[in-house]
């Protein structure tokens, strides 16, 4: 991993690690943990999702999620090689599973503290693309690739789990619940940061159906897969743990997502410019 800077030693516009690291250093005493669930779709070289018929669609969703069998789990050899590569690289990969849409998979990285979340997810993505090369297939992290058409196919997200030391301690549910309105306050701004195309890609996914909330409305709930932010059932029962932000898209920049959550919850009284680098090609002298 490395950061990119221009010839004036300023972070380039795409270097969100720099700003994220600044924020994480300020909140380090809160011990912020993150876990990100990376969903993606495997494509063949013609650009069709693996296991899908050419110029057509597979059987409806239902039997593919966490499935086994060559008629419903497509590309397992890729994901198993990938998780082994992650383990050899020392990444905190904590699980993999087949997802709802055929040819779609997920792996989880975390828990990771602070800036290491973004570092590890980016390295894991690199390893995923390199692994796919070996099998002659492609990886797309588009939240809703056009090849999927307009049918009822779940898009791909990058659900982000978040907690602090207070949330993980006894009675932490109070800290979790207190963070919800802070995230709601930043809803529209966060959606602009939560995918790789300034919110435009995620609009195709956050439709209010297919296990998503609507991009237009912030919602929260316990054990509700159609919420913007979910409190898992076991967290509610135990009274401590973490929350899950279900809004980030599969092609999100993890640095942007984690700094949005950390700054909203842990630095709520500040208006922080979450954009990095400089724009419009100006120099230090403004030329």
Protein backbone atom coordinates (compact mmCIF):
# COMPACT_ATOMS: atom_id res chain seq x y z
CA UNK A 1 0.00 0.00 0.00
CA UNK A 2 1.11 3.55 -0.66
CA UNK A 3 -0.37 7.04 -0.74
CA UNK A 4 -0.14 9.30 -3.78
CA UNK A 5 1.02 12.92 -3.72
CA UNK A 6 1.58 15.55 -6.39
CA UNK A 7 4.80 17.43 -7.14
CA UNK A 8 3.98 19.93 -4.37
CA UNK A 9 3.72 17.04 -1.89
CA UNK A 10 -0.02 17.49 -1.53
CA UNK A 11 -2.43 14.52 -1.47
CA UNK A 12 -3.83 13.84 -4.93
CA UNK A 13 -7.62 14.20 -5.31
CA UNK A 14 -8.07 10.42 -5.08
CA UNK A 15 -5.90 10.04 -1.97
CA UNK A 16 -8.63 9.68 0.64
CA UNK A 17 -6.31 7.73 2.92
CA UNK A 18 -4.62 10.94 3.98
CA UNK A 19 -7.77 12.59 5.35
CA UNK A 20 -9.04 9.30 6.77
CA UNK A 21 -5.80 8.80 8.68
CA UNK A 22 -6.04 12.31 10.14
CA UNK A 23 -9.50 11.53 11.49
CA UNK A 24 -8.55 8.09 12.81
CA UNK A 25 -5.61 9.55 14.72
CA UNK A 26 -7.95 12.03 16.40
CA UNK A 27 -10.40 9.33 17.55
CA UNK A 28 -7.89 6.59 18.36
CA UNK A 29 -8.81 6.75 22.06
CA UNK A 30 -12.33 5.57 21.13
CA UNK A 31 -10.87 2.36 19.65
CA UNK A 32 -13.00 2.39 16.47
CA UNK A 33 -13.40 -1.05 14.92
CA UNK A 34 -14.69 -1.71 11.43
CA UNK A 35 -15.69 -4.78 9.48
CA UNK A 36 -16.59 -4.51 5.80
CA UNK A 37 -18.60 -7.06 3.81
CA UNK A 38 -17.35 -6.91 0.23
CA UNK A 39 -19.87 -8.18 -2.33
CA UNK A 40 -18.94 -8.61 -5.99
CA UNK A 41 -20.02 -10.36 -9.18
CA UNK A 42 -17.86 -12.77 -11.18
CA UNK A 43 -18.07 -12.31 -14.96
CA UNK A 44 -16.84 -14.46 -17.80
CA UNK A 45 -14.66 -12.87 -20.46
CA UNK A 46 -17.75 -11.97 -22.51
CA UNK A 47 -18.99 -9.84 -19.64
CA UNK A 48 -21.84 -12.12 -18.55
CA UNK A 49 -22.23 -13.08 -14.88
CA UNK A 50 -20.74 -16.51 -14.28
CA UNK A 51 -23.39 -19.20 -14.52
CA UNK A 52 -25.86 -17.02 -16.43
CA UNK A 53 -27.04 -18.10 -19.90
CA UNK A 54 -25.91 -15.90 -22.76
CA UNK A 55 -28.56 -13.36 -23.76
CA UNK A 56 -30.89 -14.57 -21.04
CA UNK A 57 -31.46 -14.90 -17.32
CA UNK A 58 -31.10 -17.73 -14.82
CA UNK A 59 -33.85 -19.02 -12.55
CA UNK A 60 -35.13 -16.43 -10.06
CA UNK A 61 -33.30 -15.67 -6.83
CA UNK A 62 -33.80 -18.02 -3.95
CA UNK A 63 -31.54 -21.08 -4.11
CA UNK A 64 -28.21 -19.28 -4.59
CA UNK A 65 -27.55 -17.66 -1.21
CA UNK A 66 -24.97 -19.65 0.82
CA UNK A 67 -25.60 -22.48 -1.63
CA UNK A 68 -23.77 -25.63 -2.64
CA UNK A 69 -24.02 -27.45 -5.95
CA UNK A 70 -22.76 -26.82 -9.47
CA UNK A 71 -26.22 -25.68 -10.60
CA UNK A 72 -26.33 -22.75 -8.17
CA UNK A 73 -22.85 -21.94 -6.81
CA UNK A 74 -20.71 -20.55 -9.63
CA UNK A 75 -17.03 -19.75 -9.12
CA UNK A 76 -16.29 -21.27 -5.73
CA UNK A 77 -12.78 -22.19 -6.85
CA UNK A 78 -12.09 -18.47 -7.31
CA UNK A 79 -13.30 -17.39 -3.89
CA UNK A 80 -11.50 -20.22 -2.10
CA UNK A 81 -8.21 -19.36 -3.79
CA UNK A 82 -8.80 -15.73 -2.90
CA UNK A 83 -9.38 -16.28 0.80
CA UNK A 84 -6.25 -18.42 1.00
CA UNK A 85 -4.30 -15.60 -0.66
CA UNK A 86 -5.71 -13.17 1.92
CA UNK A 87 -4.71 -15.47 4.78
CA UNK A 88 -1.18 -15.83 3.41
CA UNK A 89 -0.99 -12.02 3.12
CA UNK A 90 -1.90 -11.65 6.78
CA UNK A 91 -5.28 -9.99 6.18
CA UNK A 92 -8.10 -10.24 8.71
CA UNK A 93 -10.46 -12.11 6.40
CA UNK A 94 -13.21 -13.55 8.55
CA UNK A 95 -15.58 -15.28 6.15
CA UNK A 96 -16.89 -15.88 2.64
CA UNK A 97 -20.27 -16.90 1.24
CA UNK A 98 -22.27 -17.20 -1.95
CA UNK A 99 -24.67 -14.28 -2.29
CA UNK A 100 -28.30 -13.86 -3.40
CA UNK A 101 -27.67 -13.28 -7.10
CA UNK A 102 -26.13 -16.19 -9.08
CA UNK A 103 -22.42 -15.55 -9.70
CA UNK A 104 -22.35 -13.09 -6.80
CA UNK A 105 -20.12 -13.64 -3.75
CA UNK A 106 -19.08 -11.91 -0.58
CA UNK A 107 -16.13 -11.93 1.78
CA UNK A 108 -15.68 -10.10 5.05
CA UNK A 109 -12.60 -8.24 6.25
CA UNK A 110 -12.35 -7.31 9.92
CA UNK A 111 -12.58 -6.43 12.62
CA UNK A 112 -9.85 -3.89 11.89
CA UNK A 113 -9.07 -0.82 13.93
CA UNK A 114 -8.94 2.65 12.40
CA UNK A 115 -7.00 3.18 9.20
CA UNK A 116 -6.13 -0.52 8.85
CA UNK A 117 -9.67 -1.21 7.64
CA UNK A 118 -9.19 0.72 4.42
CA UNK A 119 -5.68 -0.65 3.93
CA UNK A 120 -6.78 -4.25 4.27
CA UNK A 121 -9.84 -3.97 2.06
CA UNK A 122 -7.87 -2.38 -0.78
CA UNK A 123 -5.21 -5.09 -0.61
CA UNK A 124 -7.89 -7.80 -0.54
CA UNK A 125 -9.47 -6.31 -3.67
CA UNK A 126 -6.14 -6.38 -5.47
CA UNK A 127 -5.72 -10.03 -4.53
CA UNK A 128 -9.23 -10.78 -5.76
CA UNK A 129 -8.54 -9.38 -9.22
CA UNK A 130 -5.19 -11.18 -9.40
CA UNK A 131 -6.80 -14.44 -8.35
CA UNK A 132 -9.56 -14.06 -10.93
CA UNK A 133 -6.89 -13.67 -13.63
CA UNK A 134 -5.64 -17.18 -12.89
CA UNK A 135 -9.09 -18.60 -13.63
CA UNK A 136 -9.76 -16.51 -16.73
CA UNK A 137 -12.67 -14.59 -15.22
CA UNK A 138 -13.37 -10.98 -14.35
CA UNK A 139 -14.52 -9.23 -11.18
CA UNK A 140 -16.97 -6.34 -11.16
CA UNK A 141 -17.80 -4.29 -8.10
CA UNK A 142 -20.47 -2.28 -9.89
CA UNK A 143 -23.43 -2.13 -7.46
CA UNK A 144 -25.89 -3.07 -10.26
CA UNK A 145 -24.18 -3.91 -13.57
CA UNK A 146 -26.29 -3.10 -16.67
CA UNK A 147 -25.95 -6.72 -17.85
CA UNK A 148 -28.29 -7.69 -15.00
CA UNK A 149 -31.11 -5.83 -16.73
CA UNK A 150 -34.14 -4.57 -14.85
CA UNK A 151 -35.08 -7.85 -13.19
CA UNK A 152 -35.35 -8.53 -9.48
CA UNK A 153 -31.67 -9.15 -8.81
CA UNK A 154 -30.02 -8.01 -5.61
CA UNK A 155 -27.28 -5.48 -6.18
CA UNK A 156 -23.88 -5.58 -4.52
CA UNK A 157 -23.04 -3.61 -1.41
CA UNK A 158 -20.26 -3.25 1.11
CA UNK A 159 -22.10 -3.29 4.43
CA UNK A 160 -19.90 -1.69 7.07
CA UNK A 161 -19.96 -2.73 10.71
CA UNK A 162 -18.79 -0.19 13.26
CA UNK A 163 -18.19 -0.10 16.99
CA UNK A 164 -16.25 1.74 19.66
CA UNK A 165 -14.96 0.57 23.02
CA UNK A 166 -18.06 2.06 24.64
CA UNK A 167 -20.38 0.21 22.26
CA UNK A 168 -18.64 -3.09 22.93
CA UNK A 169 -18.76 -2.66 26.73
CA UNK A 170 -21.67 -3.57 29.00
CA UNK A 171 -24.57 -1.24 28.34
CA UNK A 172 -23.06 -0.28 24.98
CA UNK A 173 -26.46 -0.31 23.30
CA UNK A 174 -26.96 3.24 24.62
CA UNK A 175 -23.91 4.45 22.71
CA UNK A 176 -25.07 2.57 19.62
CA UNK A 177 -28.53 4.11 19.75
CA UNK A 178 -27.06 7.57 20.35
CA UNK A 179 -25.02 7.27 17.14
CA UNK A 180 -28.07 6.65 14.91
CA UNK A 181 -29.34 10.25 14.75
CA UNK A 182 -25.78 11.44 14.15
CA UNK A 183 -25.58 9.22 11.06
CA UNK A 184 -29.06 10.27 9.97
CA UNK A 185 -28.02 13.93 10.09
CA UNK A 186 -25.30 13.22 7.50
CA UNK A 187 -27.38 10.86 5.34
CA UNK A 188 -27.37 12.78 2.06
CA UNK A 189 -23.74 13.79 2.32
CA UNK A 190 -22.67 10.25 3.18
CA UNK A 191 -24.49 8.80 0.16
CA UNK A 192 -22.37 11.04 -2.07
CA UNK A 193 -19.29 9.45 -0.50
CA UNK A 194 -20.52 5.86 -0.37
CA UNK A 195 -19.82 4.76 -3.93
CA UNK A 196 -17.18 5.35 -6.56
CA UNK A 197 -19.34 7.65 -8.68
CA UNK A 198 -20.46 10.36 -6.25
CA UNK A 199 -23.64 8.54 -5.30
CA UNK A 200 -24.85 7.81 -8.84
CA UNK A 201 -24.02 4.09 -8.89
CA UNK A 202 -25.67 3.42 -5.56
CA UNK A 203 -28.95 4.94 -6.80
CA UNK A 204 -29.48 1.81 -8.92
CA UNK A 205 -29.04 -0.39 -5.86
CA UNK A 206 -30.77 1.52 -3.03
CA UNK A 207 -34.25 1.16 -4.48
CA UNK A 208 -36.19 0.34 -1.31
CA UNK A 209 -36.58 -3.28 -2.42
CA UNK A 210 -34.36 -6.35 -2.64
CA UNK A 211 -33.00 -6.00 0.89
CA UNK A 212 -32.16 -2.32 0.56
CA UNK A 213 -33.46 0.92 1.98
CA UNK A 214 -34.45 3.79 -0.28
CA UNK A 215 -31.70 6.31 -0.93
CA UNK A 216 -34.28 9.03 -0.31
CA UNK A 217 -35.04 8.12 3.31
CA UNK A 218 -32.84 7.23 6.29
CA UNK A 219 -34.19 4.30 8.28
CA UNK A 220 -32.96 2.17 11.15
CA UNK A 221 -34.17 -0.91 12.98
CA UNK A 222 -33.30 -4.13 14.74
CA UNK A 223 -32.66 -7.18 12.54
CA UNK A 224 -34.10 -5.34 9.53
CA UNK A 225 -32.24 -6.02 6.28
CA UNK A 226 -34.13 -3.22 4.51
CA UNK A 227 -32.80 -0.45 6.77
CA UNK A 228 -30.15 2.16 6.17
CA UNK A 229 -28.54 1.26 9.49
CA UNK A 230 -29.27 -2.01 11.26
CA UNK A 231 -28.74 -3.11 14.83
CA UNK A 232 -28.24 -6.89 14.65
CA UNK A 233 -30.61 -9.03 16.71
CA UNK A 234 -27.89 -10.42 18.96
CA UNK A 235 -26.61 -6.91 19.67
CA UNK A 236 -30.07 -5.82 20.77
CA UNK A 237 -30.43 -8.94 22.91
CA UNK A 238 -27.00 -8.64 24.56
CA UNK A 239 -27.20 -4.88 24.95
CA UNK A 240 -23.78 -4.23 23.42
CA UNK A 241 -21.80 -4.73 20.23
CA UNK A 242 -21.92 -2.82 16.95
CA UNK A 243 -24.11 -1.30 14.27
CA UNK A 244 -24.22 -2.09 10.56
CA UNK A 245 -24.35 0.67 7.95
CA UNK A 246 -25.97 -1.04 4.95
CA UNK A 247 -25.73 1.92 2.59
CA UNK A 248 -22.16 1.70 1.18
CA UNK A 249 -21.95 0.31 -2.35
CA UNK A 250 -19.67 -2.50 -3.44
CA UNK A 251 -17.41 -0.06 -5.31
CA UNK A 252 -16.98 2.30 -2.36
CA UNK A 253 -13.65 3.67 -1.22
CA UNK A 254 -13.28 2.19 2.29
CA UNK A 255 -11.30 5.21 3.45
CA UNK A 256 -14.21 7.51 2.55
CA UNK A 257 -16.77 5.26 4.22
CA UNK A 258 -14.87 4.74 7.47
CA UNK A 259 -13.95 8.41 7.85
CA UNK A 260 -17.58 9.40 7.23
CA UNK A 261 -18.82 7.10 9.98
CA UNK A 262 -16.03 7.93 12.43
CA UNK A 263 -16.32 11.70 11.98
CA UNK A 264 -20.14 11.72 12.18
CA UNK A 265 -20.28 9.63 15.36
CA UNK A 266 -17.09 10.61 17.17
CA UNK A 267 -16.62 14.23 16.05
CA UNK A 268 -20.27 15.30 15.82
CA UNK A 269 -19.77 18.97 16.61
CA UNK A 270 -17.43 19.60 13.70
CA UNK A 271 -18.03 20.30 10.05
CA UNK A 272 -15.25 18.30 8.46
CA UNK A 273 -14.37 18.63 4.79
CA UNK A 274 -14.23 15.01 3.70
CA UNK A 275 -12.77 15.80 0.29
CA UNK A 276 -9.02 15.26 -0.06
CA UNK A 277 -6.35 16.75 -2.23
CA UNK A 278 -6.92 19.79 -4.40
CA UNK A 279 -9.10 20.42 -7.40
CA UNK A 280 -9.23 22.46 -10.63
CA UNK A 281 -5.50 21.90 -11.20
CA UNK A 282 -4.43 24.92 -9.15
CA UNK A 283 -0.92 25.24 -7.78
CA UNK A 284 0.22 26.68 -4.48
CA UNK A 285 0.20 30.15 -6.10
CA UNK A 286 -3.29 29.61 -7.48
CA UNK A 287 -2.14 29.20 -11.10
